[in-house]
C-alpha atoms as a PDB file:
ATOM      1  CA  UNK A   1      63.543  67.034  77.244  1.00  0.00           C
ATOM      2  CA  UNK A   2      65.493  68.765  80.000  1.00  0.00           C
ATOM      3  CA  UNK A   3      68.743  67.188  78.031  1.00  0.00           C
ATOM      4  CA  UNK A   4      67.508  68.010  74.458  1.00  0.00           C
ATOM      5  CA  UNK A   5      66.744  71.355  75.378  1.00  0.00           C
ATOM      6  CA  UNK A   6      70.380  72.087  76.678  1.00  0.00           C
ATOM      7  CA  UNK A   7      72.069  70.999  73.711  1.00  0.00           C
ATOM      8  CA  UNK A   8      70.784  71.827  70.044  1.00  0.00           C
ATOM      9  CA  UNK A   9      72.171  68.607  68.074  1.00  0.00           C
ATOM     10  CA  UNK A  10      70.084  66.492  70.799  1.00  0.00           C
ATOM     11  CA  UNK A  11      67.399  68.053  70.276  1.00  0.00           C
ATOM     12  CA  UNK A  12      67.373  67.674  66.721  1.00  0.00           C
ATOM     13  CA  UNK A  13      68.565  64.378  66.899  1.00  0.00           C
ATOM     14  CA  UNK A  14      65.844  63.425  69.645  1.00  0.00           C
ATOM     15  CA  UNK A  15      62.822  64.879  67.103  1.00  0.00           C
ATOM     16  CA  UNK A  16      64.473  62.520  64.315  1.00  0.00           C
ATOM     17  CA  UNK A  17      64.134  60.077  66.564  1.00  0.00           C
ATOM     18  CA  UNK A  18      60.424  60.399  68.109  1.00  0.00           C
ATOM     19  CA  UNK A  19      59.517  60.483  64.604  1.00  0.00           C
ATOM     20  CA  UNK A  20      61.031  57.755  63.509  1.00  0.00           C
ATOM     21  CA  UNK A  21      59.420  55.978  66.253  1.00  0.00           C
ATOM     22  CA  UNK A  22      56.022  57.032  65.262  1.00  0.00           C
ATOM     23  CA  UNK A  23      56.150  55.643  61.460  1.00  0.00           C
ATOM     24  CA  UNK A  24      57.349  52.451  63.070  1.00  0.00           C
ATOM     25  CA  UNK A  25      54.029  52.296  65.077  1.00  0.00           C
ATOM     26  CA  UNK A  26      52.190  52.810  62.188  1.00  0.00           C
ATOM     27  CA  UNK A  27      53.959  50.431  60.180  1.00  0.00           C
ATOM     28  CA  UNK A  28      53.215  47.875  63.474  1.00  0.00           C
ATOM     29  CA  UNK A  29      49.580  48.829  63.411  1.00  0.00           C
ATOM     30  CA  UNK A  30      49.239  48.496  59.366  1.00  0.00           C
ATOM     31  CA  UNK A  31      51.002  44.822  60.078  1.00  0.00           C
ATOM     32  CA  UNK A  32      48.512  44.255  62.837  1.00  0.00           C
ATOM     33  CA  UNK A  33      45.399  45.032  60.513  1.00  0.00           C
ATOM     34  CA  UNK A  34      46.353  42.716  57.431  1.00  0.00           C
ATOM     35  CA  UNK A  35      47.201  39.928  59.612  1.00  0.00           C
ATOM     36  CA  UNK A  36      43.729  40.189  61.207  1.00  0.00           C
ATOM     37  CA  UNK A  37      42.523  40.165  57.320  1.00  0.00           C
ATOM     38  CA  UNK A  38      44.772  37.232  56.579  1.00  0.00           C
ATOM     39  CA  UNK A  39      42.986  35.417  59.779  1.00  0.00           C
ATOM     40  CA  UNK A  40      39.498  36.612  58.785  1.00  0.00           C
ATOM     41  CA  UNK A  41      40.164  35.353  55.010  1.00  0.00           C
ATOM     42  CA  UNK A  42      41.224  31.862  56.221  1.00  0.00           C
ATOM     43  CA  UNK A  43      39.058  31.065  59.204  1.00  0.00           C
ATOM     44  CA  UNK A  44      36.259  33.459  58.492  1.00  0.00           C
ATOM     45  CA  UNK A  45      36.489  34.627  62.022  1.00  0.00           C
ATOM     46  CA  UNK A  46      36.710  37.881  63.678  1.00  0.00           C
ATOM     47  CA  UNK A  47      40.018  38.329  65.593  1.00  0.00           C
ATOM     48  CA  UNK A  48      41.329  41.339  67.264  1.00  0.00           C
ATOM     49  CA  UNK A  49      45.473  41.002  67.515  1.00  0.00           C
ATOM     50  CA  UNK A  50      46.036  44.127  69.621  1.00  0.00           C
ATOM     51  CA  UNK A  51      45.481  43.457  73.530  1.00  0.00           C
END
Protein backbone atom coordinates (compact mmCIF):
# COMPACT_ATOMS: atom_id res chain seq x y z
CA UNK A 1 0.00 0.00 0.00
CA UNK A 2 2.84 2.40 0.80
CA UNK A 3 4.45 1.73 -2.58
CA UNK A 4 1.12 2.07 -4.38
CA UNK A 5 0.37 5.38 -2.70
CA UNK A 6 3.71 6.85 -3.76
CA UNK A 7 3.32 6.00 -7.45
CA UNK A 8 0.10 6.56 -9.42
CA UNK A 9 1.04 4.06 -12.14
CA UNK A 10 1.69 1.35 -9.55
CA UNK A 11 -1.58 2.21 -7.81
CA UNK A 12 -3.49 1.70 -11.06
CA UNK A 13 -1.72 -1.58 -11.79
CA UNK A 14 -2.17 -2.75 -8.21
CA UNK A 15 -5.89 -2.04 -8.21
CA UNK A 16 -6.27 -3.90 -11.52
CA UNK A 17 -4.33 -6.83 -10.08
CA UNK A 18 -6.64 -6.94 -7.05
CA UNK A 19 -9.70 -6.89 -9.33
CA UNK A 20 -8.30 -9.78 -11.38
CA UNK A 21 -7.47 -11.75 -8.22
CA UNK A 22 -11.03 -11.28 -6.98
CA UNK A 23 -12.46 -12.47 -10.32
CA UNK A 24 -10.21 -15.55 -10.30
CA UNK A 25 -11.34 -16.37 -6.77
CA UNK A 26 -14.99 -16.23 -7.87
CA UNK A 27 -14.23 -18.48 -10.85
CA UNK A 28 -12.54 -20.97 -8.53
CA UNK A 29 -15.59 -20.95 -6.24
CA UNK A 30 -17.86 -21.69 -9.21
CA UNK A 31 -15.62 -24.54 -10.36
CA UNK A 32 -15.70 -26.01 -6.85
CA UNK A 33 -19.50 -25.84 -6.82
CA UNK A 34 -19.65 -27.57 -10.21
CA UNK A 35 -17.37 -30.34 -8.97
CA UNK A 36 -19.51 -30.82 -5.88
CA UNK A 37 -22.66 -31.11 -8.06
CA UNK A 38 -20.97 -33.56 -10.42
CA UNK A 39 -19.82 -35.65 -7.47
CA UNK A 40 -23.37 -35.63 -6.05
CA UNK A 41 -24.89 -36.65 -9.39
CA UNK A 42 -22.40 -39.48 -9.76
CA UNK A 43 -22.31 -40.85 -6.20
CA UNK A 44 -25.43 -39.51 -4.50
CA UNK A 45 -23.27 -38.22 -1.65
CA UNK A 46 -22.98 -34.59 -0.60
CA UNK A 47 -19.29 -33.82 -0.19
CA UNK A 48 -17.68 -30.45 0.45
CA UNK A 49 -14.50 -29.90 -1.54
CA UNK A 50 -13.60 -26.69 0.32
CA UNK A 51 -11.61 -27.25 3.47
